[in-house]
């Protein structure tokens, strides 16, 4: 792992960190009785699965930046 980031990787790291709130935030309406309804509980479960996938993608991006590898191709 490099001890210093080049300017391009630093910008990638900065952009990744600044984008985390947008990538990791989900909203579900409801109060403390949210899990009593099947629909709301299903929505929560769907968000958890999506957040897990997003966290894995972020982990891969971070590993790429810190290793000095080029960014993945965008489809």
N, C-alpha and C. Protein backbone atom coordinates (compact mmCIF):
# COMPACT_ATOMS: atom_id res chain seq x y z
N UNK A 1 0.86 -1.17 0.00
CA UNK A 1 0.00 0.00 0.00
C UNK A 1 0.90 1.24 0.00
N UNK A 2 0.62 2.20 -0.88
CA UNK A 2 1.48 3.39 -0.92
C UNK A 2 1.36 4.20 0.37
N UNK A 3 2.45 4.85 0.71
CA UNK A 3 2.41 5.68 1.91
C UNK A 3 1.82 7.06 1.62
N UNK A 4 1.85 7.45 0.35
CA UNK A 4 1.29 8.74 -0.04
C UNK A 4 0.39 8.54 -1.24
N UNK A 5 -0.65 9.35 -1.32
CA UNK A 5 -1.54 9.29 -2.48
C UNK A 5 -1.14 10.35 -3.48
N UNK A 6 -1.19 9.98 -4.76
CA UNK A 6 -0.95 11.01 -5.77
C UNK A 6 -2.18 11.93 -5.83
N UNK A 7 -2.07 12.99 -6.58
CA UNK A 7 -3.14 13.99 -6.59
C UNK A 7 -4.46 13.41 -7.11
N UNK A 8 -4.40 12.58 -8.13
CA UNK A 8 -5.63 11.99 -8.69
C UNK A 8 -6.30 11.07 -7.66
N UNK A 9 -5.51 10.25 -6.98
CA UNK A 9 -6.08 9.35 -5.98
C UNK A 9 -6.61 10.13 -4.78
N UNK A 10 -5.94 11.20 -4.42
CA UNK A 10 -6.44 12.04 -3.32
C UNK A 10 -7.81 12.61 -3.69
N UNK A 11 -7.97 13.06 -4.93
CA UNK A 11 -9.25 13.60 -5.37
C UNK A 11 -10.32 12.51 -5.39
N UNK A 12 -9.96 11.31 -5.80
CA UNK A 12 -10.90 10.18 -5.77
C UNK A 12 -11.33 9.88 -4.34
N UNK A 13 -10.36 9.87 -3.41
CA UNK A 13 -10.67 9.61 -2.01
C UNK A 13 -11.57 10.69 -1.44
N UNK A 14 -11.26 11.92 -1.75
CA UNK A 14 -12.06 13.05 -1.27
C UNK A 14 -13.49 12.95 -1.81
N UNK A 15 -13.63 12.67 -3.10
CA UNK A 15 -14.96 12.55 -3.70
C UNK A 15 -15.73 11.38 -3.08
N UNK A 16 -15.04 10.28 -2.83
CA UNK A 16 -15.68 9.12 -2.20
C UNK A 16 -16.22 9.49 -0.83
N UNK A 17 -15.41 10.15 -0.02
CA UNK A 17 -15.82 10.51 1.34
C UNK A 17 -16.96 11.52 1.31
N UNK A 18 -16.90 12.49 0.42
CA UNK A 18 -17.97 13.49 0.35
C UNK A 18 -19.28 12.89 -0.15
N UNK A 19 -19.22 11.81 -0.90
CA UNK A 19 -20.42 11.17 -1.41
C UNK A 19 -21.05 10.16 -0.46
N UNK A 20 -20.38 9.84 0.65
CA UNK A 20 -20.90 8.83 1.56
C UNK A 20 -22.30 9.14 2.10
N UNK A 21 -22.58 10.36 2.55
CA UNK A 21 -23.93 10.61 3.06
C UNK A 21 -25.02 10.32 2.02
N UNK A 22 -24.77 10.69 0.78
CA UNK A 22 -25.75 10.44 -0.28
C UNK A 22 -25.90 8.94 -0.54
N UNK A 23 -24.80 8.22 -0.48
CA UNK A 23 -24.83 6.78 -0.80
C UNK A 23 -25.35 5.92 0.36
N UNK A 24 -25.22 6.39 1.58
CA UNK A 24 -25.55 5.54 2.73
C UNK A 24 -26.79 5.98 3.50
N UNK A 25 -27.53 6.91 2.96
CA UNK A 25 -28.72 7.41 3.65
C UNK A 25 -29.98 6.85 3.02
N UNK A 26 -30.87 6.34 3.85
CA UNK A 26 -32.17 5.83 3.40
C UNK A 26 -33.24 6.39 4.32
N UNK A 27 -34.43 6.59 3.78
CA UNK A 27 -35.55 7.11 4.57
C UNK A 27 -36.71 6.14 4.55
N UNK A 28 -37.32 5.96 5.70
CA UNK A 28 -38.56 5.20 5.82
C UNK A 28 -39.41 5.96 6.81
N UNK A 29 -40.63 6.22 6.44
CA UNK A 29 -41.51 6.93 7.37
C UNK A 29 -42.07 5.96 8.39
N UNK A 30 -42.35 6.47 9.55
CA UNK A 30 -42.91 5.64 10.61
C UNK A 30 -42.24 5.93 11.93
N UNK A 31 -42.87 5.51 12.98
CA UNK A 31 -42.34 5.72 14.32
C UNK A 31 -41.83 4.42 14.90
N UNK A 32 -41.92 4.31 16.22
CA UNK A 32 -41.39 3.13 16.90
C UNK A 32 -42.21 1.87 16.63
N UNK A 33 -43.38 2.00 16.04
CA UNK A 33 -44.20 0.84 15.69
C UNK A 33 -43.98 0.40 14.23
N UNK A 34 -42.94 0.90 13.63
CA UNK A 34 -42.65 0.65 12.23
C UNK A 34 -42.64 -0.83 11.88
N UNK A 35 -42.05 -1.66 12.72
CA UNK A 35 -41.88 -3.07 12.38
C UNK A 35 -43.14 -3.90 12.55
N UNK A 36 -44.23 -3.31 13.03
CA UNK A 36 -45.46 -4.07 13.19
C UNK A 36 -46.16 -4.31 11.85
N UNK A 37 -45.87 -3.49 10.88
CA UNK A 37 -46.49 -3.67 9.57
C UNK A 37 -45.58 -4.43 8.63
N UNK A 38 -46.17 -5.34 7.88
CA UNK A 38 -45.38 -6.16 6.95
C UNK A 38 -44.71 -5.31 5.88
N UNK A 39 -45.44 -4.35 5.34
CA UNK A 39 -44.89 -3.51 4.27
C UNK A 39 -43.69 -2.72 4.76
N UNK A 40 -43.82 -2.09 5.91
CA UNK A 40 -42.71 -1.30 6.45
C UNK A 40 -41.51 -2.18 6.79
N UNK A 41 -41.76 -3.34 7.37
CA UNK A 41 -40.67 -4.25 7.71
C UNK A 41 -39.96 -4.72 6.43
N UNK A 42 -40.72 -4.96 5.39
CA UNK A 42 -40.13 -5.36 4.11
C UNK A 42 -39.28 -4.22 3.53
N UNK A 43 -39.77 -2.99 3.65
CA UNK A 43 -39.00 -1.83 3.19
C UNK A 43 -37.68 -1.72 3.94
N UNK A 44 -37.71 -1.91 5.26
CA UNK A 44 -36.49 -1.86 6.06
C UNK A 44 -35.52 -2.94 5.60
N UNK A 45 -36.01 -4.15 5.42
CA UNK A 45 -35.15 -5.24 4.98
C UNK A 45 -34.54 -4.94 3.61
N UNK A 46 -35.33 -4.39 2.71
CA UNK A 46 -34.81 -4.04 1.38
C UNK A 46 -33.71 -2.99 1.48
N UNK A 47 -33.91 -2.01 2.35
CA UNK A 47 -32.88 -0.98 2.54
C UNK A 47 -31.61 -1.57 3.15
N UNK A 48 -31.76 -2.49 4.07
CA UNK A 48 -30.58 -3.11 4.69
C UNK A 48 -29.77 -3.86 3.64
N UNK A 49 -30.44 -4.60 2.77
CA UNK A 49 -29.74 -5.33 1.71
C UNK A 49 -29.04 -4.34 0.77
N UNK A 50 -29.72 -3.26 0.41
CA UNK A 50 -29.13 -2.26 -0.48
C UNK A 50 -27.94 -1.57 0.18
N UNK A 51 -28.06 -1.26 1.47
CA UNK A 51 -26.95 -0.62 2.18
C UNK A 51 -25.75 -1.55 2.29
N UNK A 52 -25.99 -2.84 2.48
CA UNK A 52 -24.89 -3.79 2.54
C UNK A 52 -24.16 -3.84 1.20
N UNK A 53 -24.90 -3.88 0.11
CA UNK A 53 -24.28 -3.87 -1.22
C UNK A 53 -23.51 -2.58 -1.46
N UNK A 54 -24.07 -1.47 -1.03
CA UNK A 54 -23.39 -0.17 -1.20
C UNK A 54 -22.11 -0.13 -0.37
N UNK A 55 -22.16 -0.65 0.85
CA UNK A 55 -20.96 -0.67 1.70
C UNK A 55 -19.86 -1.53 1.07
N UNK A 56 -20.24 -2.63 0.44
CA UNK A 56 -19.25 -3.48 -0.23
C UNK A 56 -18.63 -2.74 -1.41
N UNK A 57 -19.45 -2.01 -2.17
CA UNK A 57 -18.93 -1.24 -3.30
C UNK A 57 -17.99 -0.15 -2.82
N UNK A 58 -18.34 0.51 -1.74
CA UNK A 58 -17.48 1.56 -1.17
C UNK A 58 -16.15 0.96 -0.71
N UNK A 59 -16.21 -0.20 -0.08
CA UNK A 59 -15.00 -0.88 0.37
C UNK A 59 -14.08 -1.19 -0.81
N UNK A 60 -14.66 -1.65 -1.92
CA UNK A 60 -13.85 -1.94 -3.11
C UNK A 60 -13.25 -0.67 -3.69
N UNK A 61 -14.02 0.40 -3.73
CA UNK A 61 -13.51 1.67 -4.24
C UNK A 61 -12.36 2.18 -3.37
N UNK A 62 -12.53 2.09 -2.05
CA UNK A 62 -11.50 2.55 -1.14
C UNK A 62 -10.23 1.72 -1.30
N UNK A 63 -10.38 0.41 -1.41
CA UNK A 63 -9.22 -0.46 -1.60
C UNK A 63 -8.50 -0.11 -2.90
N UNK A 64 -9.26 0.19 -3.94
CA UNK A 64 -8.68 0.57 -5.22
C UNK A 64 -7.87 1.86 -5.10
N UNK A 65 -8.44 2.83 -4.42
CA UNK A 65 -7.76 4.12 -4.24
C UNK A 65 -6.47 3.94 -3.44
N UNK A 66 -6.56 3.23 -2.33
CA UNK A 66 -5.41 3.11 -1.45
C UNK A 66 -4.32 2.23 -2.02
N UNK A 67 -4.67 1.36 -2.95
CA UNK A 67 -3.66 0.50 -3.57
C UNK A 67 -3.02 1.17 -4.78
N UNK A 68 -3.60 2.28 -5.22
CA UNK A 68 -3.05 2.98 -6.37
C UNK A 68 -3.53 2.41 -7.69
N UNK A 69 -4.51 1.51 -7.68
CA UNK A 69 -5.06 0.96 -8.92
C UNK A 69 -5.94 2.01 -9.58
N UNK A 70 -6.08 1.87 -10.88
CA UNK A 70 -6.93 2.82 -11.61
C UNK A 70 -8.39 2.57 -11.25
N UNK A 71 -9.23 3.59 -11.41
CA UNK A 71 -10.65 3.44 -11.06
C UNK A 71 -11.31 2.42 -11.97
N UNK A 72 -12.36 1.74 -11.46
CA UNK A 72 -13.08 0.77 -12.30
C UNK A 72 -13.78 1.49 -13.46
N UNK A 73 -13.92 0.79 -14.57
CA UNK A 73 -14.62 1.37 -15.72
C UNK A 73 -16.08 1.57 -15.40
N UNK A 74 -16.62 2.69 -15.87
CA UNK A 74 -18.02 3.00 -15.64
C UNK A 74 -18.81 2.48 -16.84
N UNK A 75 -19.85 1.70 -16.55
CA UNK A 75 -20.64 1.12 -17.65
C UNK A 75 -21.63 2.10 -18.20
